[in-house]
Amino acid sequence: MSATTTIRVSTDDRALLQEIAETLGRSQQDIVHDALEYFRRAQMLRAMNAAFAALHAEPSVWASVLAERAGWDAAIDDVALGDAA
């Protein structure tokens, strides 16, 4: 187990955390850990989606992305067909 510390949360949040932990039969620490990991991943996906949207919004940049994908697809096809060097 890693080191721990104490944080302040509202009494409403504390009650909700306790309810979730009891419902799932898990520790409150595990619930907080999973919630933070979920939030971290959601933030990462939002950033990736925004970057993807920015690429897609620029026609010349998007054409470059599609050309690169086509190159990778061809390379993958070569490997799959046994034509790799």
Protein backbone atom coordinates (compact mmCIF):
# COMPACT_ATOMS: atom_id res chain seq x y z
CA MET A 1 0.00 0.00 0.00
CA SER A 2 1.30 3.45 -0.85
CA ALA A 3 1.65 6.27 1.65
CA THR A 4 -1.53 8.12 2.58
CA THR A 5 -2.54 11.64 3.55
CA THR A 6 -5.66 13.47 4.63
CA ILE A 7 -7.75 15.84 2.50
CA ARG A 8 -10.74 17.96 3.37
CA VAL A 9 -14.04 17.23 1.64
CA SER A 10 -17.53 18.47 2.30
CA THR A 11 -19.73 16.39 4.56
CA ASP A 12 -22.03 15.75 1.60
CA ASP A 13 -19.13 14.40 -0.46
CA ARG A 14 -17.97 12.30 2.47
CA ALA A 15 -21.46 10.80 2.85
CA LEU A 16 -21.66 10.07 -0.87
CA LEU A 17 -18.23 8.44 -0.81
CA GLN A 18 -19.26 6.27 2.12
CA GLU A 19 -22.52 5.29 0.39
CA ILE A 20 -20.74 4.31 -2.82
CA ALA A 21 -18.10 2.34 -0.94
CA GLU A 22 -20.69 0.47 1.11
CA THR A 23 -22.82 -0.26 -1.95
CA LEU A 24 -19.85 -1.67 -3.85
CA GLY A 25 -18.28 -3.37 -0.84
CA ARG A 26 -15.02 -1.54 -1.42
CA SER A 27 -12.89 0.85 0.58
CA GLN A 28 -13.38 4.58 0.30
CA GLN A 29 -9.72 4.87 -0.64
CA ASP A 30 -10.29 2.52 -3.60
CA ILE A 31 -13.33 4.52 -4.71
CA VAL A 32 -11.35 7.78 -4.63
CA HIS A 33 -8.46 6.16 -6.50
CA ASP A 34 -10.76 4.80 -9.23
CA ALA A 35 -12.61 8.12 -9.52
CA LEU A 36 -9.35 10.02 -9.94
CA GLU A 37 -8.09 7.54 -12.55
CA TYR A 38 -11.39 7.81 -14.44
CA PHE A 39 -11.16 11.62 -14.33
CA ARG A 40 -7.52 11.56 -15.51
CA ARG A 41 -8.43 9.35 -18.46
CA ALA A 42 -11.47 11.45 -19.34
CA GLN A 43 -9.32 14.60 -19.35
CA MET A 44 -6.76 12.90 -21.60
CA LEU A 45 -9.48 11.80 -24.04
CA ARG A 46 -10.98 15.30 -24.11
CA ALA A 47 -7.55 16.75 -24.96
CA MET A 48 -6.99 14.13 -27.66
CA ASN A 49 -10.43 14.80 -29.15
CA ALA A 50 -9.74 18.54 -29.22
CA ALA A 51 -6.39 17.95 -30.96
CA PHE A 52 -8.03 15.61 -33.46
CA ALA A 53 -10.74 18.18 -34.15
CA ALA A 54 -8.09 20.83 -34.74
CA LEU A 55 -6.35 18.56 -37.26
CA HIS A 56 -9.63 17.82 -38.99
CA ALA A 57 -10.50 21.54 -39.18
CA GLU A 58 -7.46 22.31 -41.35
CA PRO A 59 -7.96 20.72 -44.79
CA SER A 60 -4.26 20.67 -45.76
CA VAL A 61 -3.23 19.24 -42.40
CA TRP A 62 -6.03 16.68 -42.53
CA ALA A 63 -4.96 15.62 -46.05
CA SER A 64 -1.47 15.04 -44.66
CA VAL A 65 -2.88 12.87 -41.86
CA LEU A 66 -4.85 10.81 -44.36
CA ALA A 67 -1.79 10.39 -46.59
CA GLU A 68 0.26 9.19 -43.63
CA ARG A 69 -2.47 6.72 -42.69
CA ALA A 70 -2.51 5.38 -46.24
CA GLY A 71 1.23 4.79 -46.01
CA TRP A 72 0.84 2.90 -42.75
CA ASP A 73 -2.06 0.88 -44.18
CA ALA A 74 0.09 -0.14 -47.14
CA ALA A 75 2.93 -1.17 -44.83
CA ILE A 76 0.55 -3.20 -42.67
CA ASP A 77 -0.89 -4.87 -45.76
CA ASP A 78 2.63 -5.80 -46.90
CA VAL A 79 3.36 -7.44 -43.56
CA ALA A 80 0.00 -9.22 -43.51
CA LEU A 81 0.62 -10.59 -47.02
CA GLY A 82 4.17 -11.63 -46.22
CA ASP A 83 5.74 -9.03 -48.54
CA ALA A 84 7.79 -7.31 -45.83
CA ALA A 85 11.50 -7.00 -46.47
